[in-house]
C-alpha atoms as a PDB file:
ATOM      1  CA  MET A   1     -27.315-106.883  26.706  1.00  0.00           C
ATOM      2  CA  ILE A   2     -24.463-108.040  24.495  1.00  0.00           C
ATOM      3  CA  ASN A   3     -23.919-111.791  24.354  1.00  0.00           C
ATOM      4  CA  ILE A   4     -20.300-112.830  23.932  1.00  0.00           C
ATOM      5  CA  ASP A   5     -18.647-116.194  24.174  1.00  0.00           C
ATOM      6  CA  PHE A   6     -16.363-116.688  27.189  1.00  0.00           C
ATOM      7  CA  SER A   7     -13.317-117.575  25.053  1.00  0.00           C
ATOM      8  CA  TYR A   8     -13.727-114.359  23.013  1.00  0.00           C
ATOM      9  CA  ALA A   9     -13.972-112.312  26.195  1.00  0.00           C
ATOM     10  CA  ILE A  10     -10.753-113.839  27.544  1.00  0.00           C
ATOM     11  CA  THR A  11      -9.012-113.268  24.197  1.00  0.00           C
ATOM     12  CA  ILE A  12     -10.046-109.615  24.105  1.00  0.00           C
ATOM     13  CA  TYR A  13      -8.994-109.130  27.745  1.00  0.00           C
ATOM     14  CA  ILE A  14      -5.543-110.657  27.172  1.00  0.00           C
ATOM     15  CA  PHE A  15      -5.088-108.684  23.940  1.00  0.00           C
ATOM     16  CA  LEU A  16      -5.896-105.378  25.679  1.00  0.00           C
ATOM     17  CA  PHE A  17      -3.689-106.217  28.665  1.00  0.00           C
ATOM     18  CA  VAL A  18      -0.685-107.071  26.465  1.00  0.00           C
ATOM     19  CA  ASN A  19      -1.152-103.891  24.422  1.00  0.00           C
ATOM     20  CA  ILE A  20      -1.275-101.746  27.567  1.00  0.00           C
ATOM     21  CA  LEU A  21       1.938-103.378  28.795  1.00  0.00           C
ATOM     22  CA  LEU A  22       3.589-102.805  25.398  1.00  0.00           C
ATOM     23  CA  VAL A  23       2.652 -99.122  25.329  1.00  0.00           C
ATOM     24  CA  ALA A  24       3.859 -98.631  28.910  1.00  0.00           C
ATOM     25  CA  TRP A  25       7.154-100.362  28.091  1.00  0.00           C
ATOM     26  CA  LEU A  26       7.677 -98.203  24.988  1.00  0.00           C
ATOM     27  CA  PHE A  27       7.073 -94.968  26.922  1.00  0.00           C
ATOM     28  CA  THR A  28       9.496 -95.937  29.691  1.00  0.00           C
ATOM     29  CA  LYS A  29      12.081 -97.042  27.122  1.00  0.00           C
ATOM     30  CA  LYS A  30      11.818 -93.684  25.331  1.00  0.00           C
ATOM     31  CA  ARG A  31      12.097 -91.804  28.625  1.00  0.00           C
ATOM     32  CA  GLN A  32      15.258 -93.725  29.548  1.00  0.00           C
ATOM     33  CA  LYS A  33      16.737 -93.074  26.105  1.00  0.00           C
ATOM     34  CA  ASP A  34      16.146 -89.335  26.392  1.00  0.00           C
ATOM     35  CA  LYS A  35      18.260 -88.978  29.510  1.00  0.00           C
ATOM     36  CA  ASP A  36      21.472 -87.189  28.681  1.00  0.00           C
ATOM     37  CA  LEU A  37      24.561 -88.852  30.043  1.00  0.00           C
ATOM     38  CA  SER A  38      27.392 -86.467  30.712  1.00  0.00           C
ATOM     39  CA  LEU A  39      30.794 -86.930  32.273  1.00  0.00           C
ATOM     40  CA  ASP A  40      32.663 -84.334  34.244  1.00  0.00           C
ATOM     41  CA  PRO A  41      35.957 -83.507  32.471  1.00  0.00           C
ATOM     42  CA  ARG A  42      37.895 -83.648  35.748  1.00  0.00           C
ATOM     43  CA  PHE A  43      37.377 -87.434  35.854  1.00  0.00           C
ATOM     44  CA  ILE A  44      38.872 -88.043  32.392  1.00  0.00           C
ATOM     45  CA  TRP A  45      42.560 -88.899  32.542  1.00  0.00           C
ATOM     46  CA  PHE A  46      45.110 -89.293  29.740  1.00  0.00           C
ATOM     47  CA  CYS A  47      48.139 -91.494  30.254  1.00  0.00           C
ATOM     48  CA  SER A  48      51.358 -89.752  29.207  1.00  0.00           C
ATOM     49  CA  VAL A  49      53.167 -93.063  28.566  1.00  0.00           C
ATOM     50  CA  CYS A  50      50.727 -95.272  26.621  1.00  0.00           C
ATOM     51  CA  THR A  51      48.262 -92.504  25.580  1.00  0.00           C
ATOM     52  CA  TYR A  52      45.356 -94.445  27.080  1.00  0.00           C
ATOM     53  CA  THR A  53      42.245 -92.456  28.027  1.00  0.00           C
ATOM     54  CA  TYR A  54      40.529 -93.649  31.191  1.00  0.00           C
ATOM     55  CA  ILE A  55      38.063 -92.546  33.839  1.00  0.00           C
ATOM     56  CA  ASN A  56      39.035 -92.155  37.473  1.00  0.00           C
ATOM     57  CA  THR A  57      36.295 -90.804  39.742  1.00  0.00           C
ATOM     58  CA  LYS A  58      38.605 -90.309  42.702  1.00  0.00           C
ATOM     59  CA  GLU A  59      39.612 -86.705  43.163  1.00  0.00           C
ATOM     60  CA  ASP A  60      43.325 -87.365  43.553  1.00  0.00           C
ATOM     61  CA  ALA A  61      46.131 -85.261  42.131  1.00  0.00           C
ATOM     62  CA  ILE A  62      47.938 -88.359  40.834  1.00  0.00           C
ATOM     63  CA  SER A  63      46.300 -91.356  39.192  1.00  0.00           C
ATOM     64  CA  THR A  64      47.576 -94.762  38.090  1.00  0.00           C
ATOM     65  CA  CYS A  65      46.941 -95.843  34.504  1.00  0.00           C
ATOM     66  CA  PRO A  66      44.959 -99.108  34.420  1.00  0.00           C
ATOM     67  CA  ARG A  67      46.710-100.259  31.241  1.00  0.00           C
ATOM     68  CA  CYS A  68      50.408 -99.661  31.869  1.00  0.00           C
ATOM     69  CA  GLY A  69      50.502 -98.823  35.588  1.00  0.00           C
ATOM     70  CA  SER A  70      52.328 -95.520  35.206  1.00  0.00           C
ATOM     71  CA  TYR A  71      51.503 -92.525  37.382  1.00  0.00           C
ATOM     72  CA  ASN A  72      49.818 -89.543  35.771  1.00  0.00           C
ATOM     73  CA  LYS A  73      49.380 -86.020  37.048  1.00  0.00           C
ATOM     74  CA  LYS A  74      46.464 -83.771  36.111  1.00  0.00           C
END
């Protein structure tokens, strides 16, 4: 049987636990980073007055510019 001091056993246990958490965090971080974010072009609007580009997820034919308040048509 292997004799080990109690404080060494606790240190090894905490070290292994923290390393497992670190590896799990790194894998989930990489998985989140790999997700491709894409935006549907029909939600991108261009203001004809102030040339501001904005996103409006409502499927309306006319949208109001958040910067200048003018109405824009697709």
